[in-house]
Amino acid sequence: MSTDPAAQPTGGSSKTPLVALTIAGTDSGGGAGIAADLRTFAAHGVFGTLAVTAVTAQNTVGVQSICVMDVDLVAAQIDAVVSDLAPRAAKTGMLASAAIVSMVASKARSGQVPVLVVDPVLVASSGDPLFEGTGTAEAYRDLAAVATVITPNLPEASLLVGWEISDLASMEAAATELHALGPVLVVVKGGHRPGPEAVDVAYDGRAITHLSAPWVATRNVHGTGCSYSAAIAANLALGCDPLTAALQAKQYVHRAIVLASAWQLGSGHGPIDHLGAGSLTGAP
């Protein structure tokens, strides 16, 4: 191996990157889950670490099989990362079981995971369930109480509050009710609602904010929820306040959808362009 400085690689940055952690499941199709989270972190100039909660056999069409990790193994992965790499922010995706949800809540409550974005992933975009057993709503309400940001979509928010959310007014009411559980910021995602704009409702205990982006006609939306929450976590790691982090994440995901809107990857819901969108963020 050459020790000649002239022969060493050039470029890059000598600045040590900030670290973020994703606690989520795998997607063998690469569009969602940990794969999407790590690409999103990288697009923001943040070093990504991970704790695998479940392994799925999955593609753009649907989920064929799931293997849920033992809760102690998930906890050991989190401990290994936190003790050595000190992530500035973490996010959850598919937690797969109430036992894993409760364990993550315990670690957040103790301060091991001090800045946490909770994306309550319960159902894949194909409609396949991604949560094992019962006690879903109760476990996630406990986790929301120790979260910095929670990002439920309409079906997830409906489950958490116990009533159906169908319009902007009910989204605002749900965001207010969920904020009372304890998170700093609630973002109820409205991507399931048809219309000229995709409107999310954010509530920080002081004011309702609408996060809007033009609707994009494309089937390539696989992993958008994972990417949204990962972008919020990345921006929190970079020092943004929660609402600013959510605003920037909304813009990032919109760019990623637009850039991938004509892609033809797979025969179902294709992925979005994480890295292309990141090249426009001005990330370090």
Protein backbone atom coordinates (compact mmCIF):
# COMPACT_ATOMS: atom_id res chain seq x y z
CA MET A 1 0.00 0.00 0.00
CA SER A 2 1.36 3.41 -0.95
CA THR A 3 2.11 5.90 1.84
CA ASP A 4 2.84 8.71 -0.61
CA PRO A 5 0.41 11.56 0.23
CA ALA A 6 0.14 12.32 -3.47
CA ALA A 7 -1.27 8.84 -4.02
CA GLN A 8 -4.00 9.18 -1.41
CA PRO A 9 -7.65 9.89 -2.34
CA THR A 10 -8.64 13.52 -2.66
CA GLY A 11 -11.98 15.27 -2.22
CA GLY A 12 -14.56 14.68 0.47
CA SER A 13 -14.48 16.48 3.78
CA SER A 14 -12.25 16.33 6.82
CA LYS A 15 -15.18 17.42 8.99
CA THR A 16 -16.53 14.61 11.19
CA PRO A 17 -20.17 14.01 10.22
CA LEU A 18 -23.04 14.11 12.67
CA VAL A 19 -24.73 10.77 13.34
CA ALA A 20 -28.36 9.65 13.15
CA LEU A 21 -29.89 6.27 14.00
CA THR A 22 -32.73 4.41 12.33
CA ILE A 23 -34.59 1.72 14.27
CA ALA A 24 -36.59 -0.04 11.60
CA GLY A 25 -37.10 -3.06 9.36
CA THR A 26 -35.46 -3.99 6.08
CA ASP A 27 -37.05 -3.81 2.64
CA SER A 28 -35.46 -6.24 0.20
CA GLY A 29 -36.80 -4.08 -2.63
CA GLY A 30 -34.68 -1.18 -1.34
CA GLY A 31 -37.39 1.47 -1.51
CA ALA A 32 -38.49 1.74 2.10
CA GLY A 33 -37.35 0.89 5.61
CA ILE A 34 -33.71 1.04 6.58
CA ALA A 35 -32.53 1.35 2.96
CA ALA A 36 -34.59 4.51 2.45
CA ASP A 37 -33.55 5.89 5.83
CA LEU A 38 -29.83 5.46 5.21
CA ARG A 39 -30.05 7.04 1.75
CA THR A 40 -31.99 9.94 3.22
CA PHE A 41 -29.41 10.43 5.97
CA ALA A 42 -26.63 10.36 3.37
CA ALA A 43 -28.48 12.86 1.19
CA HIS A 44 -28.43 15.28 4.13
CA GLY A 45 -24.75 14.76 4.89
CA VAL A 46 -25.50 12.78 8.06
CA PHE A 47 -23.79 9.48 8.91
CA GLY A 48 -26.41 6.77 9.26
CA THR A 49 -26.44 3.95 11.81
CA LEU A 50 -29.09 1.28 12.28
CA ALA A 51 -30.87 -1.22 14.49
CA VAL A 52 -32.81 -3.86 12.57
CA THR A 53 -36.22 -4.72 14.04
CA ALA A 54 -37.44 -7.07 11.32
CA VAL A 55 -36.35 -8.58 8.01
CA THR A 56 -38.92 -8.57 5.23
CA ALA A 57 -39.14 -10.27 1.87
CA GLN A 58 -40.65 -7.34 0.00
CA ASN A 59 -40.74 -5.62 -3.37
CA THR A 60 -42.75 -2.90 -5.10
CA VAL A 61 -45.82 -5.15 -5.22
CA GLY A 62 -46.06 -6.16 -1.59
CA VAL A 63 -44.67 -7.93 1.47
CA GLN A 64 -44.22 -11.66 1.05
CA SER A 65 -42.69 -12.60 4.42
CA ILE A 66 -41.60 -11.03 7.74
CA CYS A 67 -39.20 -12.22 10.41
CA VAL A 68 -39.38 -10.14 13.61
CA MET A 69 -36.14 -9.75 15.55
CA ASP A 70 -35.89 -10.69 19.21
CA VAL A 71 -36.42 -7.60 21.37
CA ASP A 72 -33.13 -8.16 23.22
CA LEU A 73 -31.20 -8.19 19.94
CA VAL A 74 -32.83 -4.93 18.87
CA ALA A 75 -31.95 -3.41 22.24
CA ALA A 76 -28.35 -4.62 21.92
CA GLN A 77 -28.04 -2.96 18.50
CA ILE A 78 -29.30 0.35 19.88
CA ASP A 79 -26.94 0.10 22.86
CA ALA A 80 -23.97 -0.64 20.60
CA VAL A 81 -24.62 2.44 18.47
CA VAL A 82 -25.50 4.84 21.28
CA SER A 83 -22.55 3.89 23.48
CA ASP A 84 -19.97 4.41 20.75
CA LEU A 85 -21.28 6.74 18.04
CA ALA A 86 -23.56 9.06 20.04
CA PRO A 87 -26.28 9.76 17.47
CA ARG A 88 -27.72 13.27 17.61
CA ALA A 89 -31.17 12.02 16.59
CA ALA A 90 -32.98 8.75 15.99
CA LYS A 91 -36.08 7.66 14.12
CA THR A 92 -38.30 4.64 14.25
CA GLY A 93 -39.90 2.88 11.34
CA MET A 94 -41.35 -0.62 11.40
CA LEU A 95 -41.04 -1.70 15.04
CA ALA A 96 -42.98 -4.90 14.32
CA SER A 97 -44.17 -5.78 17.85
CA ALA A 98 -45.49 -4.15 21.00
CA ALA A 99 -42.46 -5.47 22.92
CA ILE A 100 -40.07 -3.60 20.64
CA VAL A 101 -42.17 -0.43 20.82
CA SER A 102 -42.13 -0.58 24.63
CA MET A 103 -38.37 -1.19 24.71
CA VAL A 104 -37.67 1.84 22.49
CA ALA A 105 -39.98 3.95 24.67
CA SER A 106 -38.04 2.87 27.75
CA LYS A 107 -34.72 3.86 26.16
CA ALA A 108 -36.13 7.23 25.10
CA ARG A 109 -37.55 7.80 28.58
CA SER A 110 -34.15 7.07 30.17
CA GLY A 111 -32.38 9.50 27.86
CA GLN A 112 -30.46 6.90 25.84
CA VAL A 113 -32.28 8.11 22.72
CA PRO A 114 -32.73 11.81 23.51
CA VAL A 115 -34.14 13.11 20.20
CA LEU A 116 -36.61 10.67 18.64
CA VAL A 117 -38.81 10.84 15.55
CA VAL A 118 -41.59 8.25 15.64
CA ASP A 119 -43.12 7.11 12.37
CA PRO A 120 -45.78 4.60 13.53
CA VAL A 121 -45.40 2.20 10.60
CA LEU A 122 -48.26 -0.27 10.81
CA VAL A 123 -49.23 -0.99 7.20
CA ALA A 124 -47.16 -1.03 4.00
CA SER A 125 -48.21 1.12 1.02
CA SER A 126 -49.41 -2.14 -0.58
CA GLY A 127 -51.83 -2.63 2.34
CA ASP A 128 -49.86 -5.46 3.97
CA PRO A 129 -49.79 -5.38 7.79
CA LEU A 130 -46.39 -4.71 9.39
CA PHE A 131 -47.17 -5.15 13.09
CA GLU A 132 -47.29 -8.37 15.07
CA GLY A 133 -49.83 -9.08 17.80
CA THR A 134 -52.18 -6.73 19.67
CA GLY A 135 -51.80 -3.64 21.82
CA THR A 136 -50.68 -1.51 18.90
CA ALA A 137 -52.39 1.77 19.74
CA GLU A 138 -51.54 1.65 23.44
CA ALA A 139 -47.87 0.86 22.78
CA TYR A 140 -47.53 3.69 20.28
CA ARG A 141 -49.28 6.21 22.52
CA ASP A 142 -46.69 5.42 25.20
CA LEU A 143 -43.91 5.89 22.65
CA ALA A 144 -45.42 9.16 21.40
CA ALA A 145 -45.26 10.50 24.94
CA VAL A 146 -41.43 10.44 24.87
CA ALA A 147 -40.97 11.43 21.22
CA THR A 148 -39.73 14.73 19.84
CA VAL A 149 -41.78 14.36 16.64
CA ILE A 150 -44.43 11.86 15.56
CA THR A 151 -45.49 11.50 11.92
CA PRO A 152 -48.61 9.31 11.56
CA ASN A 153 -50.47 9.11 8.26
CA LEU A 154 -54.28 9.22 8.27
CA PRO A 155 -54.92 5.51 9.03
CA GLU A 156 -52.23 5.51 11.73
CA ALA A 157 -53.48 8.73 13.32
CA SER A 158 -57.04 7.34 13.27
CA LEU A 159 -55.85 4.26 15.14
CA LEU A 160 -54.01 6.36 17.72
CA VAL A 161 -56.92 8.71 18.48
CA GLY A 162 -59.65 6.10 18.12
CA TRP A 163 -61.78 7.86 15.53
CA GLU A 164 -61.76 8.28 11.75
CA ILE A 165 -59.85 11.18 10.21
CA SER A 166 -61.16 12.20 6.81
CA ASP A 167 -60.65 15.93 6.23
CA LEU A 168 -58.43 18.84 7.14
CA ALA A 169 -60.48 19.79 10.20
CA SER A 170 -60.24 16.29 11.64
CA MET A 171 -56.51 16.22 10.89
CA GLU A 172 -56.11 19.39 12.93
CA ALA A 173 -58.18 17.94 15.77
CA ALA A 174 -56.14 14.73 15.73
CA ALA A 175 -52.84 16.64 15.74
CA THR A 176 -54.01 18.61 18.79
CA GLU A 177 -55.15 15.47 20.61
CA LEU A 178 -51.93 13.58 19.83
CA HIS A 179 -49.81 16.53 20.98
CA ALA A 180 -51.40 16.19 24.41
CA LEU A 181 -49.67 12.80 24.73
CA GLY A 182 -46.32 14.59 25.04
CA PRO A 183 -44.40 14.98 21.76
CA VAL A 184 -42.92 18.36 20.89
CA LEU A 185 -44.38 18.29 17.38
CA VAL A 186 -47.10 16.23 15.70
CA VAL A 187 -47.24 15.94 11.91
CA VAL A 188 -50.40 14.24 10.61
CA LYS A 189 -49.60 13.33 7.02
CA GLY A 190 -52.34 13.89 4.47
CA GLY A 191 -50.89 12.05 1.49
CA HIS A 192 -53.87 9.67 1.47
CA ARG A 193 -56.27 12.55 0.75
CA PRO A 194 -56.89 13.31 -2.95
CA GLY A 195 -56.55 16.89 -4.14
CA PRO A 196 -54.30 19.34 -5.99
CA GLU A 197 -51.94 19.50 -3.00
CA ALA A 198 -50.58 17.03 -0.48
CA VAL A 199 -51.24 18.80 2.82
CA ASP A 200 -49.84 17.70 6.18
CA VAL A 201 -50.93 19.25 9.47
CA ALA A 202 -48.28 20.12 12.07
CA TYR A 203 -49.01 21.19 15.64
CA ASP A 204 -46.40 22.24 18.20
CA GLY A 205 -48.69 23.24 21.06
CA ARG A 206 -48.86 26.86 19.91
CA ALA A 207 -50.11 26.93 16.35
CA ILE A 208 -51.34 24.74 13.51
CA THR A 209 -49.09 24.82 10.43
CA HIS A 210 -50.03 23.39 7.05
CA LEU A 211 -47.14 21.77 5.18
CA SER A 212 -48.13 21.72 1.52
CA ALA A 213 -46.63 20.51 -1.73
CA PRO A 214 -48.18 20.06 -5.18
CA TRP A 215 -49.67 16.63 -5.81
CA VAL A 216 -47.51 14.54 -8.15
CA ALA A 217 -49.25 12.03 -10.42
CA THR A 218 -46.98 8.99 -10.10
CA ARG A 219 -47.08 5.47 -8.74
CA ASN A 220 -43.56 5.91 -7.35
CA VAL A 221 -44.31 6.71 -3.71
CA HIS A 222 -42.94 3.62 -1.97
CA GLY A 223 -41.07 4.60 1.16
CA THR A 224 -42.19 8.22 1.28
CA GLY A 225 -43.23 7.98 4.93
CA CYS A 226 -39.92 6.39 5.93
CA SER A 227 -38.01 9.04 3.98
CA TYR A 228 -40.04 11.90 5.46
CA SER A 229 -39.36 10.85 9.06
CA ALA A 230 -35.71 10.11 8.25
CA ALA A 231 -35.32 13.59 6.74
CA ILE A 232 -36.83 15.12 9.89
CA ALA A 233 -34.35 13.15 12.01
CA ALA A 234 -31.45 14.20 9.79
CA ASN A 235 -32.43 17.85 10.07
CA LEU A 236 -32.78 17.54 13.85
CA ALA A 237 -29.29 16.01 13.98
CA LEU A 238 -28.06 19.01 12.00
CA GLY A 239 -29.49 21.37 14.62
CA CYS A 240 -32.87 22.42 13.22
CA ASP A 241 -35.84 22.96 15.51
CA PRO A 242 -38.65 20.39 15.01
CA LEU A 243 -40.96 22.53 12.86
CA THR A 244 -38.13 23.69 10.59
CA ALA A 245 -36.95 20.09 10.32
CA ALA A 246 -40.44 19.03 9.22
CA LEU A 247 -40.75 21.87 6.70
CA GLN A 248 -37.41 21.00 5.12
CA ALA A 249 -38.26 17.29 5.13
CA LYS A 250 -41.53 17.98 3.31
CA GLN A 251 -39.66 19.86 0.58
CA TYR A 252 -37.02 17.12 0.33
CA VAL A 253 -39.57 14.32 -0.13
CA HIS A 254 -41.49 16.36 -2.71
CA ARG A 255 -38.29 16.82 -4.75
CA ALA A 256 -37.53 13.11 -4.45
CA ILE A 257 -41.01 12.18 -5.73
CA VAL A 258 -40.78 14.61 -8.65
CA LEU A 259 -37.34 13.35 -9.69
CA ALA A 260 -38.48 9.71 -9.68
CA SER A 261 -41.97 10.28 -11.06
CA ALA A 262 -41.17 8.74 -14.47
CA TRP A 263 -39.02 5.87 -13.19
CA GLN A 264 -40.06 2.33 -14.10
CA LEU A 265 -38.63 0.21 -11.31
CA GLY A 266 -40.80 -2.80 -10.51
CA SER A 267 -44.44 -3.35 -11.37
CA GLY A 268 -45.97 -1.79 -8.24
CA HIS A 269 -45.25 1.31 -6.16
CA GLY A 270 -41.71 2.29 -7.13
CA PRO A 271 -39.16 4.16 -4.98
CA ILE A 272 -38.30 7.84 -4.87
CA ASP A 273 -35.00 9.54 -5.73
CA HIS A 274 -33.40 10.09 -2.33
CA LEU A 275 -29.94 10.97 -3.55
CA GLY A 276 -31.04 13.17 -6.44
CA ALA A 277 -33.21 15.21 -4.09
CA GLY A 278 -30.36 15.45 -1.63
CA SER A 279 -28.08 17.01 -4.22
CA LEU A 280 -30.42 20.01 -4.17
CA THR A 281 -30.56 20.47 -0.39
CA GLY A 282 -27.26 22.21 0.10
CA ALA A 283 -26.31 19.54 2.65
CA PRO A 284 -22.62 19.38 3.61
